[in-house]
C-alpha cells in the first residue's frame, strides 16, 4: 500500500459516518493520476497554500484599511484563525480535517481590497454583481495558474463557495468552515475594535457576555464547545438556542457599532472612490491589464478581466496604483531653479 492508501484506509475506519472521505471524492474537473503520499484533499490544501492569491491575503483588509499597527487582523490571519477553529470542530466530530483545512484556507481567496467596501463597489460595477464567495471559487477554477485554475476537488470548491450565502455546503466539513468563519470574525473583529478604541469593554452587550464569556478566549471556547456538543452524531452542525441567540446578538451589535458605524463612513467613501476609479480606468484601457488578466478579458470580456484584476489587489497595491494613475507627481526642480 502507498502512504496515500494507508491514509485513506484510516479514514475509512475511523472517521464519522457523516464525514467525507478522500477516496470517495467526486473528483476534479480534469482527471489527474493520484499522488503516492497525499490524499486528494491534502493536495488541494497544498495547492492553495502555494498559490499567489493566498500570499496576497496578508495585504488585504479585514476591517481596518491598510492598518499600520502590527496586531490588527488581516485577511490572512483571519483565514488561519478560521482554519484552526474549523479543524478543532472537525477533529472533535471525527470529520475529515484535511478537507476542512483546504476549504478554510481557500474560502477568502476572492476577497477584494478594502474588505466588504471593495466587495460592495464591485457588486455595483459588475452587471452580474459580485460576491466574494463566488469569486473565491472562480479564483481556484479560472484565475490562478495562468487561467488554468488549481484543479481542486469538487468538495473543496463547493465548500469555498458555500462558506457564506444562502446555500449550505454539501459536506459537514464545509459546514465546519461556515461556522468557524463567523466564530472567527466576530471575536477577532471585536478584539480589534477594543484595541483601537472604537469600542470600550462596557459597550459590549452584557447579556451576550454572560452567555459567551468575558474574554476573547472564553467566547471562542464557548462557541466551539457548544457546536461540538450540539452537533455530535447529527447530519448538520448547530448551536444551542442560548449560544446561538447570544452569537446573533453579538453579530447585530458588531454590525451596528463597527461594520456600519459612522466612524467608517469617510474612509469607506475614499475606498469606494479608489475602487471605482481603477475599475473605470482599466475598463477604458484593457490593453494595460497584466498578461494573465488580459487573456481573461479576451476569453470572457474586458469587464471580467478588470474585475478579476481589481478583486485580487491588496489594499496597498490598489492605493499605490491609484496614486500612480491619478495623483500628480510634480515636475522635478533643477538645482538652477532653487
Protein backbone atom coordinates (compact mmCIF):
# COMPACT_ATOMS: atom_id res chain seq x y z
CA UNK A 1 0.00 0.00 0.00
CA UNK A 2 1.11 3.56 -0.69
CA UNK A 3 1.14 6.16 2.06
CA UNK A 4 -1.94 7.73 0.49
CA UNK A 5 -3.77 4.40 0.53
CA UNK A 6 -2.88 3.88 4.20
CA UNK A 7 -4.30 7.31 4.99
CA UNK A 8 -7.47 6.52 3.05
CA UNK A 9 -7.78 3.22 4.92
CA UNK A 10 -7.54 5.05 8.26
CA UNK A 11 -10.22 7.49 7.10
CA UNK A 12 -12.50 4.57 6.19
CA UNK A 13 -12.00 3.00 9.62
CA UNK A 14 -12.02 5.93 12.00
CA UNK A 15 -13.97 8.85 10.55
CA UNK A 16 -17.61 9.50 11.35
CA UNK A 17 -20.26 8.10 9.05
CA UNK A 18 -21.09 11.74 8.25
CA UNK A 19 -17.51 12.56 7.19
CA UNK A 20 -16.37 12.97 3.60
CA UNK A 21 -13.59 10.52 2.77
CA UNK A 22 -10.92 11.44 0.23
CA UNK A 23 -11.31 8.13 -1.60
CA UNK A 24 -14.98 8.93 -2.17
CA UNK A 25 -14.38 12.42 -3.60
CA UNK A 26 -16.42 13.41 -6.64
CA UNK A 27 -13.13 14.26 -8.28
CA UNK A 28 -11.62 17.13 -10.24
CA UNK A 29 -12.65 18.94 -13.40
CA UNK A 30 -9.59 17.45 -15.10
CA UNK A 31 -8.50 13.94 -14.15
CA UNK A 32 -5.03 13.52 -12.66
CA UNK A 33 -3.06 10.47 -11.54
CA UNK A 34 -3.24 10.11 -7.73
CA UNK A 35 -0.32 11.11 -5.53
CA UNK A 36 1.56 8.34 -3.75
CA UNK A 37 1.84 10.20 -0.44
CA UNK A 38 -1.07 12.65 -0.21
CA UNK A 39 -4.81 12.23 -0.45
CA UNK A 40 -6.77 14.38 -2.90
CA UNK A 41 -7.76 16.81 -0.13
CA UNK A 42 -4.17 17.11 1.13
CA UNK A 43 -3.05 18.02 -2.38
CA UNK A 44 -5.78 20.67 -2.57
CA UNK A 45 -4.63 22.22 0.69
CA UNK A 46 -1.04 22.37 -0.55
CA UNK A 47 -2.04 23.91 -3.89
CA UNK A 48 -3.97 26.66 -2.12
CA UNK A 49 -1.08 27.48 0.23
CA UNK A 50 1.34 27.80 -2.69
CA UNK A 51 -0.89 29.93 -4.95
CA UNK A 52 -0.41 33.67 -5.46
CA UNK A 53 -3.89 34.59 -4.25
CA UNK A 54 -3.15 33.02 -0.85
CA UNK A 55 0.04 35.06 -0.43
CA UNK A 56 -1.82 38.28 -1.21
CA UNK A 57 -4.20 37.71 1.72
CA UNK A 58 -1.58 39.18 4.05
CA UNK A 59 -2.11 42.59 2.41
CA UNK A 60 -5.91 42.60 2.40
CA UNK A 61 -8.18 44.33 4.90
CA UNK A 62 -10.33 42.54 7.41
CA UNK A 63 -11.98 45.63 8.95
CA UNK A 64 -9.29 48.33 9.19
CA UNK A 65 -7.99 49.70 5.88
CA UNK A 66 -4.23 49.13 5.36
CA UNK A 67 -3.65 49.12 9.15
CA UNK A 68 -0.31 50.42 10.44
CA UNK A 69 -0.48 48.52 13.74
CA UNK A 70 1.19 45.11 13.89
CA UNK A 71 -1.62 43.31 15.68
CA UNK A 72 -4.71 44.06 13.62
CA UNK A 73 -6.32 41.15 11.84
CA UNK A 74 -5.65 40.86 8.13
CA UNK A 75 -7.43 38.59 5.68
CA UNK A 76 -4.56 36.10 6.07
CA UNK A 77 -4.65 35.95 9.87
CA UNK A 78 -8.44 35.66 9.64
CA UNK A 79 -8.03 32.72 7.26
CA UNK A 80 -5.59 30.97 9.60
CA UNK A 81 -7.95 31.51 12.54
CA UNK A 82 -10.84 30.04 10.56
CA UNK A 83 -8.68 27.02 9.70
CA UNK A 84 -7.79 26.49 13.36
CA UNK A 85 -11.36 26.79 14.62
CA UNK A 86 -12.75 24.62 11.82
CA UNK A 87 -10.16 21.90 12.35
CA UNK A 88 -10.87 21.86 16.08
CA UNK A 89 -14.57 21.26 15.38
CA UNK A 90 -13.84 18.69 12.67
CA UNK A 91 -11.44 16.74 14.87
CA UNK A 92 -13.90 16.65 17.77
CA UNK A 93 -16.64 15.33 15.46
CA UNK A 94 -14.37 12.80 13.66
CA UNK A 95 -14.70 14.61 10.35
CA UNK A 96 -12.07 14.96 7.63
CA UNK A 97 -9.56 17.54 8.86
CA UNK A 98 -7.70 17.73 5.54
CA UNK A 99 -10.85 18.64 3.62
CA UNK A 100 -11.83 21.11 6.34
CA UNK A 101 -8.44 22.81 6.26
CA UNK A 102 -8.38 23.04 2.45
CA UNK A 103 -11.78 24.74 2.38
CA UNK A 104 -10.82 27.11 5.19
CA UNK A 105 -7.54 28.17 3.59
CA UNK A 106 -9.28 28.87 0.29
CA UNK A 107 -12.53 30.41 1.47
CA UNK A 108 -11.48 34.09 1.11
CA UNK A 109 -9.10 33.92 -1.86
CA UNK A 110 -11.51 36.04 -3.91
CA UNK A 111 -11.97 38.79 -1.35
CA UNK A 112 -11.42 42.33 -2.58
CA UNK A 113 -9.09 45.03 -1.29
CA UNK A 114 -10.71 47.24 1.38
CA UNK A 115 -12.77 44.31 2.68
CA UNK A 116 -16.51 44.42 2.17
CA UNK A 117 -16.25 48.02 0.98
CA UNK A 118 -14.45 46.83 -2.13
CA UNK A 119 -16.90 43.97 -2.50
CA UNK A 120 -19.83 46.39 -2.46
CA UNK A 121 -18.15 48.61 -5.06
CA UNK A 122 -17.58 45.72 -7.47
CA UNK A 123 -21.09 44.43 -6.86
CA UNK A 124 -22.43 47.77 -8.11
CA UNK A 125 -19.98 47.99 -11.03
CA UNK A 126 -20.32 44.49 -12.47
CA UNK A 127 -23.51 43.88 -14.50
CA UNK A 128 -23.94 40.43 -12.94
CA UNK A 129 -22.97 41.64 -9.48
CA UNK A 130 -20.08 40.45 -7.33
CA UNK A 131 -19.94 38.17 -4.29
CA UNK A 132 -16.63 37.29 -2.71
CA UNK A 133 -17.52 33.66 -2.03
CA UNK A 134 -18.28 33.10 -5.71
CA UNK A 135 -15.11 34.95 -6.66
CA UNK A 136 -13.10 32.70 -4.34
CA UNK A 137 -14.34 29.68 -6.25
CA UNK A 138 -13.59 31.44 -9.53
CA UNK A 139 -10.02 32.14 -8.39
CA UNK A 140 -9.28 28.45 -7.89
CA UNK A 141 -11.15 27.40 -11.04
CA UNK A 142 -10.40 30.08 -13.64
CA UNK A 143 -7.92 32.72 -12.45
CA UNK A 144 -4.93 31.07 -10.79
CA UNK A 145 -2.16 29.28 -12.69
CA UNK A 146 -2.38 31.44 -15.79
CA UNK A 147 -6.11 30.91 -16.21
CA UNK A 148 -5.97 27.14 -15.77
CA UNK A 149 -7.03 27.19 -12.12
CA UNK A 150 -5.82 24.84 -9.40
CA UNK A 151 -8.00 21.89 -10.49
CA UNK A 152 -9.25 21.25 -6.96
CA UNK A 153 -11.70 18.55 -5.95
CA UNK A 154 -15.43 19.22 -6.15
CA UNK A 155 -15.85 19.11 -2.37
CA UNK A 156 -13.26 21.82 -1.74
CA UNK A 157 -14.70 24.10 -4.43
CA UNK A 158 -18.23 23.60 -3.08
CA UNK A 159 -17.10 24.40 0.48
CA UNK A 160 -15.27 27.53 -0.65
CA UNK A 161 -18.31 28.92 -2.45
CA UNK A 162 -20.80 27.95 0.24
CA UNK A 163 -18.88 29.26 3.25
CA UNK A 164 -21.32 32.18 3.00
CA UNK A 165 -24.50 32.90 1.11
CA UNK A 166 -27.86 31.13 1.10
CA UNK A 167 -26.72 27.62 0.15
CA UNK A 168 -25.27 25.25 2.74
CA UNK A 169 -22.13 23.30 1.82
CA UNK A 170 -22.64 19.74 0.63
CA UNK A 171 -20.28 18.36 3.31
CA UNK A 172 -20.13 18.67 7.08
CA UNK A 173 -16.52 19.77 6.65
CA UNK A 174 -17.82 22.72 4.65
CA UNK A 175 -20.29 23.45 7.44
CA UNK A 176 -17.37 23.48 9.90
CA UNK A 177 -15.76 26.27 7.88
CA UNK A 178 -19.03 28.16 7.56
CA UNK A 179 -19.45 28.09 11.35
CA UNK A 180 -15.77 28.80 12.01
CA UNK A 181 -15.82 31.84 9.72
CA UNK A 182 -18.45 33.54 11.87
CA UNK A 183 -16.86 32.47 15.14
CA UNK A 184 -13.51 33.85 13.97
CA UNK A 185 -14.56 37.20 12.56
CA UNK A 186 -16.93 38.10 15.39
CA UNK A 187 -14.25 37.53 18.00
CA UNK A 188 -11.16 38.96 16.32
CA UNK A 189 -13.09 41.96 14.95
CA UNK A 190 -14.35 42.65 18.47
CA UNK A 191 -10.79 42.38 19.80
CA UNK A 192 -9.55 44.79 17.11
CA UNK A 193 -12.35 47.27 17.89
CA UNK A 194 -11.45 47.21 21.59
CA UNK A 195 -7.74 47.53 20.80
CA UNK A 196 -8.31 50.52 18.53
CA UNK A 197 -10.61 52.35 20.93
CA UNK A 198 -13.63 52.15 18.62
CA UNK A 199 -15.31 50.15 21.41
CA UNK A 200 -14.77 50.01 25.14
CA UNK A 201 -15.32 46.96 27.32
CA UNK A 202 -18.53 48.31 28.83
CA UNK A 203 -20.01 48.89 25.35
CA UNK A 204 -20.32 45.15 24.62
CA UNK A 205 -23.82 43.83 25.47
CA UNK A 206 -23.78 42.31 28.93
CA UNK A 207 -26.36 39.63 28.07
CA UNK A 208 -24.09 38.31 25.30
CA UNK A 209 -21.06 38.28 27.62
CA UNK A 210 -22.94 36.37 30.33
CA UNK A 211 -23.54 33.50 27.90
CA UNK A 212 -20.38 33.60 25.78
CA UNK A 213 -17.75 34.76 28.27
CA UNK A 214 -15.97 37.96 29.14
CA UNK A 215 -12.62 37.28 27.49
CA UNK A 216 -11.65 36.59 23.88
CA UNK A 217 -10.60 33.00 24.60
CA UNK A 218 -13.70 32.28 26.70
CA UNK A 219 -16.02 33.39 23.90
CA UNK A 220 -14.28 31.30 21.24
CA UNK A 221 -14.18 28.27 23.54
CA UNK A 222 -17.88 28.63 24.39
CA UNK A 223 -18.89 28.77 20.72
CA UNK A 224 -16.70 25.85 19.63
CA UNK A 225 -17.67 23.58 22.53
CA UNK A 226 -21.34 24.36 22.01
CA UNK A 227 -21.19 23.48 18.31
CA UNK A 228 -19.43 20.21 19.10
CA UNK A 229 -21.82 19.28 21.90
CA UNK A 230 -24.96 20.09 19.92
CA UNK A 231 -23.76 18.54 16.63
CA UNK A 232 -22.31 15.21 17.76
CA UNK A 233 -24.00 12.40 15.83
CA UNK A 234 -26.06 14.86 13.77
CA UNK A 235 -26.12 15.30 9.97
CA UNK A 236 -25.76 19.09 10.27
CA UNK A 237 -23.96 21.46 12.63
CA UNK A 238 -25.89 23.61 15.05
CA UNK A 239 -25.63 25.66 18.24
CA UNK A 240 -27.83 25.52 21.29
CA UNK A 241 -30.61 28.09 21.38
CA UNK A 242 -28.92 30.13 24.12
CA UNK A 243 -25.50 30.32 22.49
CA UNK A 244 -26.98 30.92 19.04
CA UNK A 245 -29.06 33.81 20.39
CA UNK A 246 -26.02 35.34 22.14
CA UNK A 247 -23.91 34.92 18.99
CA UNK A 248 -26.59 36.55 16.84
CA UNK A 249 -26.88 39.38 19.37
CA UNK A 250 -23.14 39.97 19.28
CA UNK A 251 -23.21 39.98 15.47
CA UNK A 252 -26.02 42.56 15.40
CA UNK A 253 -24.06 44.70 17.85
CA UNK A 254 -20.91 44.49 15.70
CA UNK A 255 -22.80 45.49 12.56
CA UNK A 256 -24.34 48.48 14.32
CA UNK A 257 -21.26 49.73 16.17
CA UNK A 258 -18.36 48.61 13.97
CA UNK A 259 -19.17 47.38 10.47
CA UNK A 260 -21.74 50.07 9.66
CA UNK A 261 -20.77 52.76 12.12
CA UNK A 262 -20.35 56.43 11.20
CA UNK A 263 -16.63 56.36 12.05
CA UNK A 264 -16.10 54.32 8.87
CA UNK A 265 -18.15 56.50 6.52
CA UNK A 266 -15.41 58.85 5.31
CA UNK A 267 -12.91 56.02 4.89
CA UNK A 268 -15.45 53.91 3.04
CA UNK A 269 -16.18 56.77 0.63
CA UNK A 270 -12.47 57.13 -0.15
CA UNK A 271 -12.04 53.38 -0.69
CA UNK A 272 -15.09 53.29 -2.95
CA UNK A 273 -13.65 56.19 -4.94
CA UNK A 274 -10.34 54.33 -5.43
CA UNK A 275 -12.08 51.11 -6.49
CA UNK A 276 -14.36 52.89 -8.96
CA UNK A 277 -11.54 54.95 -10.43
CA UNK A 278 -9.34 51.90 -11.00
CA UNK A 279 -12.24 49.92 -12.46
CA UNK A 280 -13.12 52.73 -14.84
CA UNK A 281 -9.54 53.25 -15.94
CA UNK A 282 -8.89 49.62 -16.86
CA UNK A 283 -12.34 49.23 -18.40
CA UNK A 284 -11.32 52.06 -20.74
CA UNK A 285 -7.75 50.75 -21.17
CA UNK A 286 -8.00 46.93 -21.05
CA UNK A 287 -4.76 46.58 -23.03
CA UNK A 288 -2.91 47.80 -19.91
CA UNK A 289 -4.05 44.83 -17.82
CA UNK A 290 -1.34 42.36 -16.77
CA UNK A 291 -0.99 39.44 -19.17
CA UNK A 292 -2.97 36.88 -17.14
CA UNK A 293 -5.95 39.24 -16.85
CA UNK A 294 -5.62 40.38 -20.44
CA UNK A 295 -6.09 36.75 -21.50
CA UNK A 296 -9.22 36.55 -19.33
CA UNK A 297 -10.56 39.73 -20.93
CA UNK A 298 -10.11 38.18 -24.39
CA UNK A 299 -11.87 34.99 -23.31
CA UNK A 300 -14.68 36.39 -21.17
CA UNK A 301 -14.91 40.12 -21.86
CA UNK A 302 -12.93 43.11 -20.67
CA UNK A 303 -15.05 43.77 -17.56
CA UNK A 304 -14.44 40.24 -16.34
CA UNK A 305 -10.69 40.69 -16.69
CA UNK A 306 -10.83 44.06 -14.93
CA UNK A 307 -12.91 42.60 -12.09
CA UNK A 308 -10.53 39.67 -11.56
CA UNK A 309 -7.54 42.04 -11.56
CA UNK A 310 -9.10 44.54 -9.16
CA UNK A 311 -10.51 41.95 -6.75
CA UNK A 312 -7.09 40.33 -6.45
CA UNK A 313 -5.31 43.51 -5.37
CA UNK A 314 -4.03 44.14 -1.87
CA UNK A 315 -5.04 47.36 -0.14
CA UNK A 316 -1.64 48.97 -0.53
CA UNK A 317 -1.25 47.94 -4.16
CA UNK A 318 -4.64 49.45 -5.03
CA UNK A 319 -3.75 52.70 -3.23
CA UNK A 320 -0.32 52.86 -4.86
CA UNK A 321 -1.72 52.15 -8.34
CA UNK A 322 -4.37 54.85 -7.84
CA UNK A 323 -1.65 57.32 -6.91
CA UNK A 324 0.41 56.40 -9.97
CA UNK A 325 -2.55 56.81 -12.30
CA UNK A 326 -4.37 59.82 -10.83
CA UNK A 327 -2.16 61.80 -8.46
CA UNK A 328 0.31 64.27 -9.99
CA UNK A 329 3.91 63.59 -9.06
CA UNK A 330 5.07 67.16 -9.69
CA UNK A 331 7.76 68.32 -12.09
CA UNK A 332 11.30 67.96 -10.70
CA UNK A 333 13.02 71.24 -9.94
CA UNK A 334 16.55 71.67 -11.30
CA UNK A 335 19.31 72.99 -9.00
CA UNK A 336 19.34 76.21 -11.01
CA UNK A 337 15.69 76.79 -10.19
CA UNK A 338 16.14 76.79 -6.44
